[in-house]
PDB file of N, CA and C in Angstrom:
ATOM      1  N   UNK A   1     -26.172 -32.722  -9.224  1.00  0.00           N
ATOM      2  CA  UNK A   1     -25.190 -33.491  -8.493  1.00  0.00           C
ATOM      3  C   UNK A   1     -23.773 -33.114  -8.933  1.00  0.00           C
ATOM      4  N   UNK A   2     -23.575 -32.878 -10.221  1.00  0.00           N
ATOM      5  CA  UNK A   2     -22.243 -32.518 -10.714  1.00  0.00           C
ATOM      6  C   UNK A   2     -21.882 -31.071 -10.376  1.00  0.00           C
ATOM      7  N   UNK A   3     -22.890 -30.226 -10.232  1.00  0.00           N
ATOM      8  CA  UNK A   3     -22.629 -28.809 -10.036  1.00  0.00           C
ATOM      9  C   UNK A   3     -22.337 -28.460  -8.581  1.00  0.00           C
ATOM     10  N   UNK A   4     -22.580 -29.342  -7.660  1.00  0.00           N
ATOM     11  CA  UNK A   4     -22.310 -29.082  -6.240  1.00  0.00           C
ATOM     12  C   UNK A   4     -20.841 -28.788  -5.969  1.00  0.00           C
ATOM     13  N   UNK A   5     -19.927 -29.674  -6.349  1.00  0.00           N
ATOM     14  CA  UNK A   5     -18.500 -29.391  -6.112  1.00  0.00           C
ATOM     15  C   UNK A   5     -18.003 -28.172  -6.902  1.00  0.00           C
ATOM     16  N   UNK A   6     -18.528 -27.990  -8.104  1.00  0.00           N
ATOM     17  CA  UNK A   6     -18.123 -26.838  -8.911  1.00  0.00           C
ATOM     18  C   UNK A   6     -18.572 -25.546  -8.230  1.00  0.00           C
ATOM     19  N   UNK A   7     -19.779 -25.541  -7.704  1.00  0.00           N
ATOM     20  CA  UNK A   7     -20.290 -24.369  -7.003  1.00  0.00           C
ATOM     21  C   UNK A   7     -19.447 -24.061  -5.776  1.00  0.00           C
ATOM     22  N   UNK A   8     -19.054 -25.074  -5.029  1.00  0.00           N
ATOM     23  CA  UNK A   8     -18.214 -24.854  -3.851  1.00  0.00           C
ATOM     24  C   UNK A   8     -16.836 -24.319  -4.238  1.00  0.00           C
ATOM     25  N   UNK A   9     -16.293 -24.780  -5.340  1.00  0.00           N
ATOM     26  CA  UNK A   9     -15.008 -24.248  -5.805  1.00  0.00           C
ATOM     27  C   UNK A   9     -15.126 -22.773  -6.198  1.00  0.00           C
ATOM     28  N   UNK A  10     -16.225 -22.418  -6.816  1.00  0.00           N
ATOM     29  CA  UNK A  10     -16.453 -21.019  -7.190  1.00  0.00           C
ATOM     30  C   UNK A  10     -16.583 -20.159  -5.933  1.00  0.00           C
ATOM     31  N   UNK A  11     -17.364 -20.631  -4.972  1.00  0.00           N
ATOM     32  CA  UNK A  11     -17.535 -19.893  -3.726  1.00  0.00           C
ATOM     33  C   UNK A  11     -16.198 -19.745  -3.004  1.00  0.00           C
ATOM     34  N   UNK A  12     -15.428 -20.818  -2.935  1.00  0.00           N
ATOM     35  CA  UNK A  12     -14.120 -20.780  -2.289  1.00  0.00           C
ATOM     36  C   UNK A  12     -13.191 -19.805  -3.022  1.00  0.00           C
ATOM     37  N   UNK A  13     -13.218 -19.815  -4.334  1.00  0.00           N
ATOM     38  CA  UNK A  13     -12.399 -18.885  -5.118  1.00  0.00           C
ATOM     39  C   UNK A  13     -12.785 -17.442  -4.868  1.00  0.00           C
ATOM     40  N   UNK A  14     -14.082 -17.170  -4.755  1.00  0.00           N
ATOM     41  CA  UNK A  14     -14.537 -15.813  -4.465  1.00  0.00           C
ATOM     42  C   UNK A  14     -14.113 -15.360  -3.072  1.00  0.00           C
ATOM     43  N   UNK A  15     -14.151 -16.257  -2.124  1.00  0.00           N
ATOM     44  CA  UNK A  15     -13.728 -15.919  -0.766  1.00  0.00           C
ATOM     45  C   UNK A  15     -12.233 -15.608  -0.739  1.00  0.00           C
ATOM     46  N   UNK A  16     -11.436 -16.439  -1.400  1.00  0.00           N
ATOM     47  CA  UNK A  16      -9.986 -16.205  -1.452  1.00  0.00           C
ATOM     48  C   UNK A  16      -9.691 -14.888  -2.169  1.00  0.00           C
ATOM     49  N   UNK A  17     -10.371 -14.633  -3.285  1.00  0.00           N
ATOM     50  CA  UNK A  17     -10.166 -13.387  -4.023  1.00  0.00           C
ATOM     51  C   UNK A  17     -10.547 -12.186  -3.160  1.00  0.00           C
ATOM     52  N   UNK A  18     -11.604 -12.301  -2.391  1.00  0.00           N
ATOM     53  CA  UNK A  18     -12.008 -11.221  -1.500  1.00  0.00           C
ATOM     54  C   UNK A  18     -10.985 -10.955  -0.415  1.00  0.00           C
ATOM     55  N   UNK A  19     -10.426 -11.996   0.147  1.00  0.00           N
ATOM     56  CA  UNK A  19      -9.399 -11.835   1.184  1.00  0.00           C
ATOM     57  C   UNK A  19      -8.149 -11.185   0.596  1.00  0.00           C
ATOM     58  N   UNK A  20      -7.735 -11.634  -0.579  1.00  0.00           N
ATOM     59  CA  UNK A  20      -6.557 -11.049  -1.230  1.00  0.00           C
ATOM     60  C   UNK A  20      -6.799  -9.570  -1.533  1.00  0.00           C
ATOM     61  N   UNK A  21      -7.975  -9.244  -2.043  1.00  0.00           N
ATOM     62  CA  UNK A  21      -8.311  -7.854  -2.349  1.00  0.00           C
ATOM     63  C   UNK A  21      -8.268  -7.006  -1.085  1.00  0.00           C
ATOM     64  N   UNK A  22      -8.848  -7.520  -0.003  1.00  0.00           N
ATOM     65  CA  UNK A  22      -8.895  -6.788   1.261  1.00  0.00           C
ATOM     66  C   UNK A  22      -7.488  -6.551   1.812  1.00  0.00           C
ATOM     67  N   UNK A  23      -6.641  -7.572   1.788  1.00  0.00           N
ATOM     68  CA  UNK A  23      -5.278  -7.441   2.312  1.00  0.00           C
ATOM     69  C   UNK A  23      -4.485  -6.437   1.480  1.00  0.00           C
ATOM     70  N   UNK A  24      -4.618  -6.503   0.173  1.00  0.00           N
ATOM     71  CA  UNK A  24      -3.895  -5.547  -0.680  1.00  0.00           C
ATOM     72  C   UNK A  24      -4.379  -4.123  -0.450  1.00  0.00           C
ATOM     73  N   UNK A  25      -5.652  -3.958  -0.245  1.00  0.00           N
ATOM     74  CA  UNK A  25      -6.210  -2.628  -0.021  1.00  0.00           C
ATOM     75  C   UNK A  25      -5.733  -2.066   1.322  1.00  0.00           C
ATOM     76  N   UNK A  26      -5.685  -2.897   2.347  1.00  0.00           N
ATOM     77  CA  UNK A  26      -5.243  -2.436   3.658  1.00  0.00           C
ATOM     78  C   UNK A  26      -3.733  -2.226   3.688  1.00  0.00           C
ATOM     79  N   UNK A  27      -2.990  -2.973   2.892  1.00  0.00           N
ATOM     80  CA  UNK A  27      -1.543  -2.870   2.860  1.00  0.00           C
ATOM     81  C   UNK A  27      -1.092  -1.574   2.189  1.00  0.00           C
ATOM     82  N   UNK A  28      -1.950  -0.960   1.406  1.00  0.00           N
ATOM     83  CA  UNK A  28      -1.601   0.256   0.698  1.00  0.00           C
ATOM     84  C   UNK A  28      -1.522   1.473   1.587  1.00  0.00           C
ATOM     85  N   UNK A  29      -1.929   1.371   2.830  1.00  0.00           N
ATOM     86  CA  UNK A  29      -1.916   2.503   3.743  1.00  0.00           C
ATOM     87  C   UNK A  29      -0.925   2.243   4.865  1.00  0.00           C
ATOM     88  N   UNK A  30      -0.012   3.167   5.010  1.00  0.00           N
ATOM     89  CA  UNK A  30       0.979   3.051   6.074  1.00  0.00           C
ATOM     90  C   UNK A  30       0.347   3.458   7.406  1.00  0.00           C
ATOM     91  N   UNK A  31       0.914   3.007   8.519  1.00  0.00           N
ATOM     92  CA  UNK A  31       0.390   3.416   9.824  1.00  0.00           C
ATOM     93  C   UNK A  31       0.443   4.930   9.980  1.00  0.00           C
ATOM     94  N   UNK A  32      -0.545   5.485  10.624  1.00  0.00           N
ATOM     95  CA  UNK A  32      -0.599   6.922  10.817  1.00  0.00           C
ATOM     96  C   UNK A  32      -1.267   7.650   9.674  1.00  0.00           C
ATOM     97  N   UNK A  33      -1.786   6.928   8.711  1.00  0.00           N
ATOM     98  CA  UNK A  33      -2.502   7.538   7.612  1.00  0.00           C
ATOM     99  C   UNK A  33      -1.621   8.114   6.518  1.00  0.00           C
ATOM    100  N   UNK A  34      -0.338   7.891   6.592  1.00  0.00           N
ATOM    101  CA  UNK A  34       0.557   8.397   5.560  1.00  0.00           C
ATOM    102  C   UNK A  34       0.734   7.331   4.481  1.00  0.00           C
ATOM    103  N   UNK A  35       0.680   7.756   3.248  1.00  0.00           N
ATOM    104  CA  UNK A  35       0.831   6.801   2.162  1.00  0.00           C
ATOM    105  C   UNK A  35       2.299   6.450   1.971  1.00  0.00           C
ATOM    106  N   UNK A  36       2.593   5.225   1.518  1.00  0.00           N
ATOM    107  CA  UNK A  36       3.987   4.846   1.315  1.00  0.00           C
ATOM    108  C   UNK A  36       4.644   5.637   0.196  1.00  0.00           C
ATOM    109  N   UNK A  37       3.852   6.285  -0.655  1.00  0.00           N
ATOM    110  CA  UNK A  37       4.401   7.067  -1.739  1.00  0.00           C
ATOM    111  C   UNK A  37       4.950   8.413  -1.296  1.00  0.00           C
ATOM    112  N   UNK A  38       4.648   8.832  -0.076  1.00  0.00           N
ATOM    113  CA  UNK A  38       5.111  10.135   0.398  1.00  0.00           C
ATOM    114  C   UNK A  38       6.631  10.169   0.518  1.00  0.00           C
ATOM    115  N   UNK A  39       7.211   9.114   1.021  1.00  0.00           N
ATOM    116  CA  UNK A  39       8.665   9.066   1.154  1.00  0.00           C
ATOM    117  C   UNK A  39       9.332   8.995  -0.217  1.00  0.00           C
ATOM    118  N   UNK A  40       8.730   8.258  -1.129  1.00  0.00           N
ATOM    119  CA  UNK A  40       9.274   8.180  -2.487  1.00  0.00           C
ATOM    120  C   UNK A  40       9.201   9.542  -3.169  1.00  0.00           C
ATOM    121  N   UNK A  41       8.117  10.265  -2.962  1.00  0.00           N
ATOM    122  CA  UNK A  41       7.984  11.607  -3.533  1.00  0.00           C
ATOM    123  C   UNK A  41       9.025  12.546  -2.929  1.00  0.00           C
ATOM    124  N   UNK A  42       9.251  12.423  -1.638  1.00  0.00           N
ATOM    125  CA  UNK A  42      10.273  13.239  -0.989  1.00  0.00           C
ATOM    126  C   UNK A  42      11.653  12.945  -1.566  1.00  0.00           C
ATOM    127  N   UNK A  43      11.953  11.668  -1.758  1.00  0.00           N
ATOM    128  CA  UNK A  43      13.232  11.279  -2.363  1.00  0.00           C
ATOM    129  C   UNK A  43      13.388  11.877  -3.762  1.00  0.00           C
ATOM    130  N   UNK A  44      12.308  11.864  -4.547  1.00  0.00           N
ATOM    131  CA  UNK A  44      12.366  12.408  -5.901  1.00  0.00           C
ATOM    132  C   UNK A  44      12.576  13.920  -5.877  1.00  0.00           C
ATOM    133  N   UNK A  45      11.916  14.611  -4.965  1.00  0.00           N
ATOM    134  CA  UNK A  45      12.090  16.070  -4.868  1.00  0.00           C
ATOM    135  C   UNK A  45      13.523  16.412  -4.480  1.00  0.00           C
ATOM    136  N   UNK A  46      14.114  15.622  -3.592  1.00  0.00           N
ATOM    137  CA  UNK A  46      15.506  15.846  -3.204  1.00  0.00           C
ATOM    138  C   UNK A  46      16.448  15.559  -4.375  1.00  0.00           C
ATOM    139  N   UNK A  47      16.170  14.492  -5.098  1.00  0.00           N
ATOM    140  CA  UNK A  47      17.006  14.128  -6.247  1.00  0.00           C
ATOM    141  C   UNK A  47      16.929  15.184  -7.355  1.00  0.00           C
ATOM    142  N   UNK A  48      15.768  15.797  -7.536  1.00  0.00           N
ATOM    143  CA  UNK A  48      15.614  16.839  -8.562  1.00  0.00           C
ATOM    144  C   UNK A  48      16.194  18.180  -8.110  1.00  0.00           C
ATOM    145  N   UNK A  49      16.557  18.293  -6.839  1.00  0.00           N
ATOM    146  CA  UNK A  49      17.136  19.522  -6.338  1.00  0.00           C
ATOM    147  C   UNK A  49      16.105  20.556  -5.907  1.00  0.00           C
ATOM    148  N   UNK A  50      14.859  20.132  -5.734  1.00  0.00           N
ATOM    149  CA  UNK A  50      13.808  21.062  -5.329  1.00  0.00           C
ATOM    150  C   UNK A  50      13.919  21.452  -3.857  1.00  0.00           C
ATOM    151  N   UNK A  51      14.512  20.573  -3.052  1.00  0.00           N
ATOM    152  CA  UNK A  51      14.688  20.864  -1.622  1.00  0.00           C
ATOM    153  C   UNK A  51      16.146  20.587  -1.252  1.00  0.00           C
ATOM    154  N   UNK A  52      16.617  21.264  -0.222  1.00  0.00           N
ATOM    155  CA  UNK A  52      18.003  21.057   0.200  1.00  0.00           C
ATOM    156  C   UNK A  52      18.088  19.918   1.220  1.00  0.00           C
ATOM    157  N   UNK A  53      19.313  19.616   1.643  1.00  0.00           N
ATOM    158  CA  UNK A  53      19.546  18.473   2.532  1.00  0.00           C
ATOM    159  C   UNK A  53      18.892  18.656   3.894  1.00  0.00           C
ATOM    160  N   UNK A  54      18.915  19.874   4.425  1.00  0.00           N
ATOM    161  CA  UNK A  54      18.301  20.115   5.738  1.00  0.00           C
ATOM    162  C   UNK A  54      16.789  19.907   5.684  1.00  0.00           C
ATOM    163  N   UNK A  55      16.181  20.453   4.649  1.00  0.00           N
ATOM    164  CA  UNK A  55      14.732  20.312   4.483  1.00  0.00           C
ATOM    165  C   UNK A  55      14.365  18.846   4.266  1.00  0.00           C
ATOM    166  N   UNK A  56      15.192  18.164   3.474  1.00  0.00           N
ATOM    167  CA  UNK A  56      14.959  16.735   3.226  1.00  0.00           C
ATOM    168  C   UNK A  56      14.995  15.935   4.526  1.00  0.00           C
ATOM    169  N   UNK A  57      16.028  16.175   5.338  1.00  0.00           N
ATOM    170  CA  UNK A  57      16.169  15.438   6.602  1.00  0.00           C
ATOM    171  C   UNK A  57      15.007  15.716   7.547  1.00  0.00           C
ATOM    172  N   UNK A  58      14.603  16.978   7.611  1.00  0.00           N
ATOM    173  CA  UNK A  58      13.493  17.342   8.511  1.00  0.00           C
ATOM    174  C   UNK A  58      12.194  16.698   8.067  1.00  0.00           C
ATOM    175  N   UNK A  59      11.927  16.746   6.776  1.00  0.00           N
ATOM    176  CA  UNK A  59      10.679  16.151   6.277  1.00  0.00           C
ATOM    177  C   UNK A  59      10.688  14.625   6.385  1.00  0.00           C
ATOM    178  N   UNK A  60      11.844  14.028   6.159  1.00  0.00           N
ATOM    179  CA  UNK A  60      11.952  12.568   6.295  1.00  0.00           C
ATOM    180  C   UNK A  60      11.708  12.138   7.737  1.00  0.00           C
ATOM    181  N   UNK A  61      12.245  12.908   8.674  1.00  0.00           N
ATOM    182  CA  UNK A  61      12.019  12.614  10.101  1.00  0.00           C
ATOM    183  C   UNK A  61      10.541  12.751  10.449  1.00  0.00           C
ATOM    184  N   UNK A  62       9.898  13.770   9.901  1.00  0.00           N
ATOM    185  CA  UNK A  62       8.475  13.986  10.147  1.00  0.00           C
ATOM    186  C   UNK A  62       7.640  12.839   9.582  1.00  0.00           C
ATOM    187  N   UNK A  63       7.975  12.370   8.386  1.00  0.00           N
ATOM    188  CA  UNK A  63       7.233  11.263   7.782  1.00  0.00           C
ATOM    189  C   UNK A  63       7.455   9.943   8.516  1.00  0.00           C
ATOM    190  N   UNK A  64       8.638   9.763   9.066  1.00  0.00           N
ATOM    191  CA  UNK A  64       8.947   8.529   9.774  1.00  0.00           C
ATOM    192  C   UNK A  64       8.192   8.443  11.107  1.00  0.00           C
ATOM    193  N   UNK A  65       7.769   9.569  11.621  1.00  0.00           N
ATOM    194  CA  UNK A  65       6.983   9.542  12.859  1.00  0.00           C
ATOM    195  C   UNK A  65       7.761   9.974  13.989  1.00  0.00           C
TER     196      UNK A  65
END
């Protein structure tokens, strides 16, 4: 009798944890299959001087869609 409400709280907690996990996992992928880290990597390559401004602009436009 005492374990009924406790069991329901555990089940509810597992359901909420599953929903949070699912949302975080789906949020990690940008539309079009491109990862959100691609733009950050492009910014870092430009900042390090590995690519010039024209190449940076072209690649940024390509990543934006």
